[in-house]
PDB file of all heavy atoms in Angstrom:
ATOM      1  N   LEU A   1     115.316 -38.652  38.584  1.00  0.00           N
ATOM      2  CA  LEU A   1     113.993 -39.209  38.781  1.00  0.00           C
ATOM      3  C   LEU A   1     114.079 -40.494  39.575  1.00  0.00           C
ATOM      4  O   LEU A   1     115.096 -41.195  39.561  1.00  0.00           O
ATOM      5  CB  LEU A   1     113.293 -39.457  37.446  1.00  0.00           C
ATOM      6  CG  LEU A   1     113.948 -40.395  36.445  1.00  0.00           C
ATOM      7  CD1 LEU A   1     112.882 -41.146  35.649  1.00  0.00           C
ATOM      8  CD2 LEU A   1     114.798 -39.571  35.466  1.00  0.00           C
ATOM      9  N   PHE A   2     113.000 -40.771  40.300  1.00  0.00           N
ATOM     10  CA  PHE A   2     112.975 -41.960  41.127  1.00  0.00           C
ATOM     11  C   PHE A   2     111.586 -42.552  41.154  1.00  0.00           C
ATOM     12  O   PHE A   2     110.591 -41.887  40.842  1.00  0.00           O
ATOM     13  CB  PHE A   2     113.430 -41.642  42.559  1.00  0.00           C
ATOM     14  CG  PHE A   2     112.433 -40.879  43.387  1.00  0.00           C
ATOM     15  CD1 PHE A   2     111.594 -41.534  44.285  1.00  0.00           C
ATOM     16  CD2 PHE A   2     112.314 -39.499  43.283  1.00  0.00           C
ATOM     17  CE1 PHE A   2     110.665 -40.839  45.045  1.00  0.00           C
ATOM     18  CE2 PHE A   2     111.396 -38.786  44.049  1.00  0.00           C
ATOM     19  CZ  PHE A   2     110.569 -39.467  44.932  1.00  0.00           C
ATOM     20  N   CYS A   3     111.522 -43.818  41.547  1.00  0.00           N
ATOM     21  CA  CYS A   3     110.246 -44.456  41.824  1.00  0.00           C
ATOM     22  C   CYS A   3     110.394 -45.273  43.091  1.00  0.00           C
ATOM     23  O   CYS A   3     111.499 -45.709  43.442  1.00  0.00           O
ATOM     24  CB  CYS A   3     109.776 -45.342  40.672  1.00  0.00           C
ATOM     25  SG  CYS A   3     110.840 -46.773  40.358  1.00  0.00           S
ATOM     26  N   ILE A   4     109.309 -45.452  43.796  1.00  0.00           N
ATOM     27  CA  ILE A   4     109.286 -46.348  44.933  1.00  0.00           C
ATOM     28  C   ILE A   4     109.119 -47.764  44.388  1.00  0.00           C
ATOM     29  O   ILE A   4     108.217 -48.038  43.606  1.00  0.00           O
ATOM     30  CB  ILE A   4     108.135 -46.002  45.896  1.00  0.00           C
ATOM     31  CG1 ILE A   4     108.258 -44.540  46.363  1.00  0.00           C
ATOM     32  CG2 ILE A   4     108.124 -46.955  47.076  1.00  0.00           C
ATOM     33  CD1 ILE A   4     109.523 -44.213  47.127  1.00  0.00           C
ATOM     34  N   GLY A   5     110.007 -48.671  44.809  1.00  0.00           N
ATOM     35  CA  GLY A   5     110.015 -50.019  44.263  1.00  0.00           C
ATOM     36  C   GLY A   5     111.067 -50.152  43.181  1.00  0.00           C
ATOM     37  O   GLY A   5     111.555 -49.152  42.620  1.00  0.00           O
ATOM     38  N   SER A   6     111.474 -51.395  42.908  1.00  0.00           N
ATOM     39  CA  SER A   6     112.541 -51.626  41.935  1.00  0.00           C
ATOM     40  C   SER A   6     112.397 -53.022  41.358  1.00  0.00           C
ATOM     41  O   SER A   6     111.467 -53.758  41.704  1.00  0.00           O
ATOM     42  CB  SER A   6     113.910 -51.483  42.619  1.00  0.00           C
ATOM     43  OG  SER A   6     114.130 -52.579  43.498  1.00  0.00           O
ATOM     44  N   GLY A   7     113.327 -53.372  40.521  1.00  0.00           N
ATOM     45  CA  GLY A   7     113.315 -54.716  39.950  1.00  0.00           C
ATOM     46  C   GLY A   7     114.081 -55.712  40.793  1.00  0.00           C
ATOM     47  O   GLY A   7     114.323 -56.836  40.357  1.00  0.00           O
ATOM     48  N   SER A   8     114.454 -55.324  42.017  1.00  0.00           N
ATOM     49  CA  SER A   8     115.243 -56.215  42.881  1.00  0.00           C
ATOM     50  C   SER A   8     114.784 -56.002  44.319  1.00  0.00           C
ATOM     51  O   SER A   8     113.646 -55.612  44.560  1.00  0.00           O
ATOM     52  CB  SER A   8     116.726 -55.897  42.729  1.00  0.00           C
ATOM     53  OG  SER A   8     117.012 -54.612  43.256  1.00  0.00           O
ATOM     54  N   ASP A   9     115.697 -56.253  45.266  1.00  0.00           N
ATOM     55  CA  ASP A   9     115.339 -56.045  46.665  1.00  0.00           C
ATOM     56  C   ASP A   9     115.572 -54.612  47.127  1.00  0.00           C
ATOM     57  O   ASP A   9     115.386 -54.302  48.309  1.00  0.00           O
ATOM     58  CB  ASP A   9     116.127 -57.008  47.565  1.00  0.00           C
ATOM     59  CG  ASP A   9     117.631 -56.826  47.435  1.00  0.00           C
ATOM     60  OD1 ASP A   9     118.077 -56.189  46.440  1.00  0.00           O
ATOM     61  OD2 ASP A   9     118.369 -57.320  48.302  1.00  0.00           O
ATOM     62  N   ALA A  10     115.998 -53.712  46.246  1.00  0.00           N
ATOM     63  CA  ALA A  10     116.159 -52.308  46.608  1.00  0.00           C
ATOM     64  C   ALA A  10     114.781 -51.665  46.797  1.00  0.00           C
ATOM     65  O   ALA A  10     113.780 -52.099  46.221  1.00  0.00           O
ATOM     66  CB  ALA A  10     116.944 -51.559  45.552  1.00  0.00           C
ATOM     67  N   ASP A  11     114.748 -50.609  47.588  1.00  0.00           N
ATOM     68  CA  ASP A  11     113.481 -49.922  47.872  1.00  0.00           C
ATOM     69  C   ASP A  11     113.127 -48.872  46.833  1.00  0.00           C
ATOM     70  O   ASP A  11     111.954 -48.525  46.661  1.00  0.00           O
ATOM     71  CB  ASP A  11     113.572 -49.242  49.247  1.00  0.00           C
ATOM     72  CG  ASP A  11     113.906 -50.227  50.350  1.00  0.00           C
ATOM     73  OD1 ASP A  11     113.050 -51.059  50.673  1.00  0.00           O
ATOM     74  OD2 ASP A  11     115.042 -50.170  50.866  1.00  0.00           O
ATOM     75  N   VAL A  12     114.147 -48.344  46.138  1.00  0.00           N
ATOM     76  CA  VAL A  12     113.971 -47.211  45.227  1.00  0.00           C
ATOM     77  C   VAL A  12     114.853 -47.425  44.008  1.00  0.00           C
ATOM     78  O   VAL A  12     115.986 -47.900  44.127  1.00  0.00           O
ATOM     79  CB  VAL A  12     114.344 -45.884  45.931  1.00  0.00           C
ATOM     80  CG1 VAL A  12     114.383 -44.723  44.954  1.00  0.00           C
ATOM     81  CG2 VAL A  12     113.366 -45.588  47.078  1.00  0.00           C
ATOM     82  N   ARG A  13     114.337 -47.082  42.820  1.00  0.00           N
ATOM     83  CA  ARG A  13     115.137 -47.071  41.579  1.00  0.00           C
ATOM     84  C   ARG A  13     115.315 -45.614  41.161  1.00  0.00           C
ATOM     85  O   ARG A  13     114.368 -44.819  41.229  1.00  0.00           O
ATOM     86  CB  ARG A  13     114.435 -47.856  40.476  1.00  0.00           C
ATOM     87  CG  ARG A  13     115.064 -47.754  39.077  1.00  0.00           C
ATOM     88  CD  ARG A  13     116.352 -48.538  38.919  1.00  0.00           C
ATOM     89  NE  ARG A  13     116.143 -49.969  38.887  1.00  0.00           N
ATOM     90  CZ  ARG A  13     115.931 -50.704  37.778  1.00  0.00           C
ATOM     91  NH1 ARG A  13     115.886 -50.120  36.607  1.00  0.00           N
ATOM     92  NH2 ARG A  13     115.778 -52.010  37.866  1.00  0.00           N
ATOM     93  N   VAL A  14     116.533 -45.269  40.689  1.00  0.00           N
ATOM     94  CA  VAL A  14     116.890 -43.888  40.363  1.00  0.00           C
ATOM     95  C   VAL A  14     117.535 -43.838  38.986  1.00  0.00           C
ATOM     96  O   VAL A  14     118.269 -44.750  38.593  1.00  0.00           O
ATOM     97  CB  VAL A  14     117.861 -43.316  41.423  1.00  0.00           C
ATOM     98  CG1 VAL A  14     118.343 -41.920  41.031  1.00  0.00           C
ATOM     99  CG2 VAL A  14     117.206 -43.284  42.806  1.00  0.00           C
ATOM    100  N   ARG A  15     117.279 -42.752  38.250  1.00  0.00           N
ATOM    101  CA  ARG A  15     118.056 -42.394  37.062  1.00  0.00           C
ATOM    102  C   ARG A  15     118.330 -40.887  37.121  1.00  0.00           C
ATOM    103  O   ARG A  15     117.481 -40.121  37.586  1.00  0.00           O
ATOM    104  CB  ARG A  15     117.318 -42.741  35.759  1.00  0.00           C
ATOM    105  CG  ARG A  15     117.168 -44.220  35.524  1.00  0.00           C
ATOM    106  CD  ARG A  15     116.521 -44.533  34.182  1.00  0.00           C
ATOM    107  NE  ARG A  15     117.430 -44.297  33.069  1.00  0.00           N
ATOM    108  CZ  ARG A  15     117.111 -44.530  31.786  1.00  0.00           C
ATOM    109  NH1 ARG A  15     115.906 -44.970  31.469  1.00  0.00           N
ATOM    110  NH2 ARG A  15     117.984 -44.299  30.830  1.00  0.00           N
ATOM    111  N   THR A  16     119.499 -40.473  36.625  1.00  0.00           N
ATOM    112  CA  THR A  16     119.910 -39.069  36.718  1.00  0.00           C
ATOM    113  C   THR A  16     120.478 -38.596  35.387  1.00  0.00           C
ATOM    114  O   THR A  16     121.316 -39.275  34.791  1.00  0.00           O
ATOM    115  CB  THR A  16     120.964 -38.896  37.829  1.00  0.00           C
ATOM    116  OG1 THR A  16     120.392 -39.290  39.073  1.00  0.00           O
ATOM    117  CG2 THR A  16     121.427 -37.450  37.918  1.00  0.00           C
ATOM    118  N   PHE A  17     120.045 -37.401  34.960  1.00  0.00           N
ATOM    119  CA  PHE A  17     120.491 -36.803  33.698  1.00  0.00           C
ATOM    120  C   PHE A  17     120.993 -35.387  33.967  1.00  0.00           C
ATOM    121  O   PHE A  17     120.308 -34.590  34.619  1.00  0.00           O
ATOM    122  CB  PHE A  17     119.342 -36.763  32.696  1.00  0.00           C
ATOM    123  CG  PHE A  17     118.714 -38.110  32.438  1.00  0.00           C
ATOM    124  CD1 PHE A  17     117.606 -38.525  33.171  1.00  0.00           C
ATOM    125  CD2 PHE A  17     119.251 -38.972  31.501  1.00  0.00           C
ATOM    126  CE1 PHE A  17     117.034 -39.773  32.954  1.00  0.00           C
ATOM    127  CE2 PHE A  17     118.689 -40.228  31.277  1.00  0.00           C
ATOM    128  CZ  PHE A  17     117.573 -40.626  32.005  1.00  0.00           C
ATOM    129  N   ALA A  18     122.191 -35.070  33.461  1.00  0.00           N
ATOM    130  CA  ALA A  18     122.763 -33.734  33.657  1.00  0.00           C
ATOM    131  C   ALA A  18     123.513 -33.279  32.414  1.00  0.00           C
ATOM    132  O   ALA A  18     124.714 -32.984  32.466  1.00  0.00           O
ATOM    133  CB  ALA A  18     123.691 -33.730  34.868  1.00  0.00           C
ATOM    134  N   PRO A  19     122.834 -33.191  31.256  1.00  0.00           N
ATOM    135  CA  PRO A  19     123.530 -32.789  30.038  1.00  0.00           C
ATOM    136  C   PRO A  19     124.124 -31.389  30.119  1.00  0.00           C
ATOM    137  O   PRO A  19     125.108 -31.089  29.446  1.00  0.00           O
ATOM    138  CB  PRO A  19     122.458 -32.895  28.949  1.00  0.00           C
ATOM    139  CG  PRO A  19     121.161 -32.863  29.687  1.00  0.00           C
ATOM    140  CD  PRO A  19     121.418 -33.495  31.014  1.00  0.00           C
ATOM    141  N   GLY A  20     123.553 -30.524  30.970  1.00  0.00           N
ATOM    142  CA  GLY A  20     124.101 -29.181  31.113  1.00  0.00           C
ATOM    143  C   GLY A  20     125.496 -29.155  31.693  1.00  0.00           C
ATOM    144  O   GLY A  20     126.243 -28.195  31.497  1.00  0.00           O
ATOM    145  N   ALA A  21     125.866 -30.220  32.431  1.00  0.00           N
ATOM    146  CA  ALA A  21     127.207 -30.330  33.000  1.00  0.00           C
ATOM    147  C   ALA A  21     128.106 -31.231  32.165  1.00  0.00           C
ATOM    148  O   ALA A  21     129.205 -31.582  32.600  1.00  0.00           O
ATOM    149  CB  ALA A  21     127.120 -30.867  34.427  1.00  0.00           C
ATOM    150  N   GLY A  22     127.648 -31.628  30.982  1.00  0.00           N
ATOM    151  CA  GLY A  22     128.453 -32.478  30.112  1.00  0.00           C
ATOM    152  C   GLY A  22     128.284 -33.955  30.376  1.00  0.00           C
ATOM    153  O   GLY A  22     129.073 -34.774  29.892  1.00  0.00           O
ATOM    154  N   VAL A  23     127.247 -34.337  31.144  1.00  0.00           N
ATOM    155  CA  VAL A  23     127.001 -35.743  31.471  1.00  0.00           C
ATOM    156  C   VAL A  23     125.546 -36.051  31.122  1.00  0.00           C
ATOM    157  O   VAL A  23     124.636 -35.664  31.854  1.00  0.00           O
ATOM    158  CB  VAL A  23     127.245 -36.023  32.976  1.00  0.00           C
ATOM    159  CG1 VAL A  23     127.018 -37.504  33.281  1.00  0.00           C
ATOM    160  CG2 VAL A  23     128.636 -35.586  33.391  1.00  0.00           C
ATOM    161  N   PHE A  24     125.325 -36.736  30.000  1.00  0.00           N
ATOM    162  CA  PHE A  24     123.930 -36.972  29.624  1.00  0.00           C
ATOM    163  C   PHE A  24     123.226 -37.817  30.684  1.00  0.00           C
ATOM    164  O   PHE A  24     122.184 -37.416  31.212  1.00  0.00           O
ATOM    165  CB  PHE A  24     123.813 -37.646  28.258  1.00  0.00           C
ATOM    166  CG  PHE A  24     122.376 -37.832  27.858  1.00  0.00           C
ATOM    167  CD1 PHE A  24     121.613 -36.748  27.453  1.00  0.00           C
ATOM    168  CD2 PHE A  24     121.768 -39.077  27.939  1.00  0.00           C
ATOM    169  CE1 PHE A  24     120.261 -36.904  27.120  1.00  0.00           C
ATOM    170  CE2 PHE A  24     120.429 -39.238  27.615  1.00  0.00           C
ATOM    171  CZ  PHE A  24     119.678 -38.152  27.206  1.00  0.00           C
ATOM    172  N   GLU A  25     123.772 -38.994  31.004  1.00  0.00           N
ATOM    173  CA  GLU A  25     123.232 -39.794  32.101  1.00  0.00           C
ATOM    174  C   GLU A  25     124.372 -40.236  32.999  1.00  0.00           C
ATOM    175  O   GLU A  25     125.409 -40.703  32.521  1.00  0.00           O
ATOM    176  CB  GLU A  25     122.443 -41.011  31.603  1.00  0.00           C
ATOM    177  CG  GLU A  25     121.827 -41.801  32.754  1.00  0.00           C
ATOM    178  CD  GLU A  25     120.801 -42.853  32.337  1.00  0.00           C
ATOM    179  OE1 GLU A  25     120.605 -43.024  31.117  1.00  0.00           O
ATOM    180  OE2 GLU A  25     120.214 -43.498  33.230  1.00  0.00           O
ATOM    181  N   ASP A  26     124.161 -40.083  34.300  1.00  0.00           N
ATOM    182  CA  ASP A  26     125.164 -40.448  35.293  1.00  0.00           C
ATOM    183  C   ASP A  26     124.813 -41.815  35.856  1.00  0.00           C
ATOM    184  O   ASP A  26     123.654 -42.053  36.211  1.00  0.00           O
ATOM    185  CB  ASP A  26     125.179 -39.402  36.411  1.00  0.00           C
ATOM    186  CG  ASP A  26     126.406 -39.507  37.290  1.00  0.00           C
ATOM    187  OD1 ASP A  26     127.492 -39.808  36.767  1.00  0.00           O
ATOM    188  OD2 ASP A  26     126.283 -39.279  38.502  1.00  0.00           O
ATOM    189  N   PRO A  27     125.785 -42.729  35.967  1.00  0.00           N
ATOM    190  CA  PRO A  27     125.435 -44.078  36.425  1.00  0.00           C
ATOM    191  C   PRO A  27     124.868 -44.133  37.837  1.00  0.00           C
ATOM    192  O   PRO A  27     123.801 -44.723  38.056  1.00  0.00           O
ATOM    193  CB  PRO A  27     126.757 -44.848  36.319  1.00  0.00           C
ATOM    194  CG  PRO A  27     127.558 -44.110  35.304  1.00  0.00           C
ATOM    195  CD  PRO A  27     127.186 -42.662  35.492  1.00  0.00           C
ATOM    196  N   VAL A  28     125.584 -43.566  38.819  1.00  0.00           N
ATOM    197  CA  VAL A  28     125.124 -43.608  40.215  1.00  0.00           C
ATOM    198  C   VAL A  28     125.500 -42.279  40.858  1.00  0.00           C
ATOM    199  O   VAL A  28     126.679 -41.929  40.894  1.00  0.00           O
ATOM    200  CB  VAL A  28     125.756 -44.771  41.012  1.00  0.00           C
ATOM    201  CG1 VAL A  28     124.970 -45.014  42.295  1.00  0.00           C
ATOM    202  CG2 VAL A  28     125.832 -46.055  40.194  1.00  0.00           C
ATOM    203  N   THR A  29     124.521 -41.566  41.401  1.00  0.00           N
ATOM    204  CA  THR A  29     124.702 -40.161  41.758  1.00  0.00           C
ATOM    205  C   THR A  29     124.443 -39.950  43.242  1.00  0.00           C
ATOM    206  O   THR A  29     123.294 -39.927  43.693  1.00  0.00           O
ATOM    207  CB  THR A  29     123.745 -39.280  40.928  1.00  0.00           C
ATOM    208  OG1 THR A  29     123.749 -39.722  39.579  1.00  0.00           O
ATOM    209  CG2 THR A  29     124.153 -37.826  40.994  1.00  0.00           C
ATOM    210  N   GLY A  30     125.511 -39.738  44.017  1.00  0.00           N
ATOM    211  CA  GLY A  30     125.361 -39.589  45.450  1.00  0.00           C
ATOM    212  C   GLY A  30     124.654 -38.314  45.865  1.00  0.00           C
ATOM    213  O   GLY A  30     123.873 -38.304  46.822  1.00  0.00           O
ATOM    214  N   SER A  31     124.903 -37.213  45.154  1.00  0.00           N
ATOM    215  CA  SER A  31     124.282 -35.943  45.542  1.00  0.00           C
ATOM    216  C   SER A  31     122.778 -35.963  45.301  1.00  0.00           C
ATOM    217  O   SER A  31     121.993 -35.542  46.168  1.00  0.00           O
ATOM    218  CB  SER A  31     124.933 -34.776  44.792  1.00  0.00           C
ATOM    219  OG  SER A  31     124.803 -34.940  43.392  1.00  0.00           O
ATOM    220  N   SER A  32     122.343 -36.456  44.150  1.00  0.00           N
ATOM    221  CA  SER A  32     120.901 -36.449  43.885  1.00  0.00           C
ATOM    222  C   SER A  32     120.181 -37.498  44.726  1.00  0.00           C
ATOM    223  O   SER A  32     119.012 -37.298  45.103  1.00  0.00           O
ATOM    224  CB  SER A  32     120.611 -36.665  42.396  1.00  0.00           C
ATOM    225  OG  SER A  32     120.834 -37.993  41.994  1.00  0.00           O
ATOM    226  N   ASN A  33     120.848 -38.600  45.050  1.00  0.00           N
ATOM    227  CA  ASN A  33     120.219 -39.573  45.941  1.00  0.00           C
ATOM    228  C   ASN A  33     119.985 -38.982  47.324  1.00  0.00           C
ATOM    229  O   ASN A  33     118.988 -39.289  47.987  1.00  0.00           O
ATOM    230  CB  ASN A  33     121.055 -40.849  46.024  1.00  0.00           C
ATOM    231  CG  ASN A  33     120.647 -41.882  44.994  1.00  0.00           C
ATOM    232  OD1 ASN A  33     119.702 -42.642  45.198  1.00  0.00           O
ATOM    233  ND2 ASN A  33     121.351 -41.897  43.865  1.00  0.00           N
ATOM    234  N   GLY A  34     120.900 -38.124  47.776  1.00  0.00           N
ATOM    235  CA  GLY A  34     120.664 -37.425  49.034  1.00  0.00           C
ATOM    236  C   GLY A  34     119.449 -36.529  48.972  1.00  0.00           C
ATOM    237  O   GLY A  34     118.643 -36.461  49.910  1.00  0.00           O
ATOM    238  N   CYS A  35     119.284 -35.829  47.849  1.00  0.00           N
ATOM    239  CA  CYS A  35     118.104 -34.970  47.660  1.00  0.00           C
ATOM    240  C   CYS A  35     116.825 -35.802  47.628  1.00  0.00           C
ATOM    241  O   CYS A  35     115.801 -35.418  48.224  1.00  0.00           O
ATOM    242  CB  CYS A  35     118.246 -34.175  46.370  1.00  0.00           C
ATOM    243  SG  CYS A  35     119.626 -33.013  46.341  1.00  0.00           S
ATOM    244  N   ILE A  36     116.868 -36.925  46.937  1.00  0.00           N
ATOM    245  CA  ILE A  36     115.700 -37.807  46.869  1.00  0.00           C
ATOM    246  C   ILE A  36     115.344 -38.314  48.259  1.00  0.00           C
ATOM    247  O   ILE A  36     114.162 -38.343  48.650  1.00  0.00           O
ATOM    248  CB  ILE A  36     115.975 -38.972  45.897  1.00  0.00           C
ATOM    249  CG1 ILE A  36     116.018 -38.460  44.449  1.00  0.00           C
ATOM    250  CG2 ILE A  36     114.923 -40.074  46.050  1.00  0.00           C
ATOM    251  CD1 ILE A  36     116.566 -39.463  43.463  1.00  0.00           C
ATOM    252  N   ALA A  37     116.351 -38.705  49.030  1.00  0.00           N
ATOM    253  CA  ALA A  37     116.093 -39.209  50.381  1.00  0.00           C
ATOM    254  C   ALA A  37     115.429 -38.145  51.244  1.00  0.00           C
ATOM    255  O   ALA A  37     114.504 -38.441  52.018  1.00  0.00           O
ATOM    256  CB  ALA A  37     117.398 -39.675  51.022  1.00  0.00           C
TER     257      ALA A  37
END
């Protein structure tokens, strides 16, 4: 999930959850950020 705007100078804030792959929340996710972009 993402939103436009953040709590800093970043343009977008992201969170990613993948419990089906054994990772409840992933800290920083390059593949999903590409999809979001």
